[in-house]
Amino acid sequence: MTDDSEGYRKRMLLKRVLAVSNDVVVSDYVRAETRGRPSGSKRHLPSEFELANAAVNPAPRRRCGLCSQSGHNARTCRTVFNSDVEPVENLE
């Protein structure tokens, strides 16, 4: 191939690319049914008995996995076990 024919091919390709329209038309689409349980069907409306039982017997609060105290978790626990590192205080 000569340089002239190579240039011609490039010009023709560029002309085709530039002639393509960038307008994208999206019409109404049909939504496919997904498999399994619908996401909104897991909600449960508690009965009066369940509400009364929850008021009388509240659920136990979560506790820290390190010191077993409520009010914080293991990541924010200020107790340091078997470590020479002192806890870091907020430096403001």
Protein backbone atom coordinates (compact mmCIF):
# COMPACT_ATOMS: atom_id res chain seq x y z
CA MET A 1 0.00 0.00 0.00
CA THR A 2 1.14 3.45 -0.73
CA ASP A 3 0.95 6.43 1.57
CA ASP A 4 -1.81 7.90 -0.60
CA SER A 5 -4.12 4.90 -0.21
CA GLU A 6 -3.37 4.70 3.54
CA GLY A 7 -4.29 8.39 3.94
CA TYR A 8 -7.46 7.84 1.93
CA ARG A 9 -8.52 4.95 4.18
CA LYS A 10 -7.90 7.03 7.30
CA ARG A 11 -9.90 9.96 5.88
CA MET A 12 -12.82 7.70 4.97
CA LEU A 13 -12.80 6.08 8.40
CA LEU A 14 -12.72 9.48 10.08
CA LYS A 15 -15.61 10.66 7.89
CA ARG A 16 -17.71 7.63 8.93
CA VAL A 17 -16.93 8.13 12.60
CA LEU A 18 -17.85 11.81 12.50
CA ALA A 19 -21.06 11.04 10.60
CA VAL A 20 -22.37 8.87 13.45
CA SER A 21 -24.98 10.69 15.50
CA ASN A 22 -24.43 11.10 19.23
CA ASP A 23 -28.15 11.33 19.92
CA VAL A 24 -29.19 8.40 22.05
CA VAL A 25 -32.90 7.70 22.28
CA VAL A 26 -34.03 5.44 25.10
CA SER A 27 -37.61 4.37 24.85
CA ASP A 28 -39.65 2.82 27.64
CA TYR A 29 -38.09 -0.47 28.57
CA VAL A 30 -39.61 -3.62 30.00
CA ARG A 31 -38.26 -4.33 33.44
CA ALA A 32 -37.37 -7.96 33.97
CA GLU A 33 -38.63 -9.79 37.03
CA THR A 34 -35.83 -10.62 39.43
CA ARG A 35 -35.53 -14.00 41.05
CA GLY A 36 -36.12 -14.64 44.72
CA ARG A 37 -38.01 -12.90 47.46
CA PRO A 38 -39.01 -9.28 46.76
CA SER A 39 -36.96 -6.82 48.79
CA GLY A 40 -39.97 -5.02 50.27
CA SER A 41 -41.70 -8.16 51.51
CA LYS A 42 -39.42 -8.63 54.54
CA ARG A 43 -41.07 -5.94 56.64
CA HIS A 44 -43.10 -7.13 59.59
CA LEU A 45 -45.75 -5.11 61.35
CA PRO A 46 -45.61 -6.01 65.05
CA SER A 47 -48.80 -7.03 66.79
CA GLU A 48 -50.06 -5.39 69.99
CA PHE A 49 -48.71 -8.34 71.97
CA GLU A 50 -45.24 -7.90 70.48
CA LEU A 51 -45.28 -4.16 71.24
CA ALA A 52 -46.37 -4.76 74.83
CA ASN A 53 -43.79 -7.53 75.30
CA ALA A 54 -41.03 -5.28 73.95
CA ALA A 55 -42.03 -2.53 76.40
CA VAL A 56 -41.94 -4.92 79.38
CA ASN A 57 -38.81 -6.86 78.35
CA PRO A 58 -36.48 -4.52 76.43
CA ALA A 59 -33.71 -6.10 74.38
CA PRO A 60 -30.33 -6.19 76.13
CA ARG A 61 -27.92 -3.50 75.00
CA ARG A 62 -24.91 -4.52 72.98
CA ARG A 63 -21.64 -4.70 74.83
CA CYS A 64 -17.98 -4.20 74.02
CA GLY A 65 -16.21 -7.41 72.99
CA LEU A 66 -13.09 -6.48 74.99
CA CYS A 67 -14.32 -5.23 78.34
CA SER A 68 -18.00 -6.34 78.26
CA GLN A 69 -19.28 -2.87 79.15
CA SER A 70 -22.19 -1.29 77.33
CA GLY A 71 -22.00 2.13 75.72
CA HIS A 72 -19.18 1.51 73.25
CA ASN A 73 -17.72 -1.17 70.99
CA ALA A 74 -14.33 -2.88 70.73
CA ARG A 75 -13.03 -0.37 68.20
CA THR A 76 -13.71 2.60 70.49
CA CYS A 77 -12.84 0.81 73.75
CA ARG A 78 -10.45 2.81 75.90
CA THR A 79 -9.28 -0.23 77.84
CA VAL A 80 -6.00 -1.65 76.55
CA PHE A 81 -5.24 -5.29 77.41
CA ASN A 82 -1.68 -6.68 77.51
CA SER A 83 -0.14 -3.85 75.58
CA ASP A 84 2.59 -1.34 76.21
CA VAL A 85 0.78 1.14 73.98
CA GLU A 86 -1.24 3.77 75.79
CA PRO A 87 -4.68 4.70 74.44
CA VAL A 88 -4.74 7.72 72.16
CA GLU A 89 -6.80 10.64 73.39
CA ASN A 90 -8.52 13.10 71.08
CA LEU A 91 -5.88 15.61 70.02
CA GLU A 92 -7.73 18.81 69.26
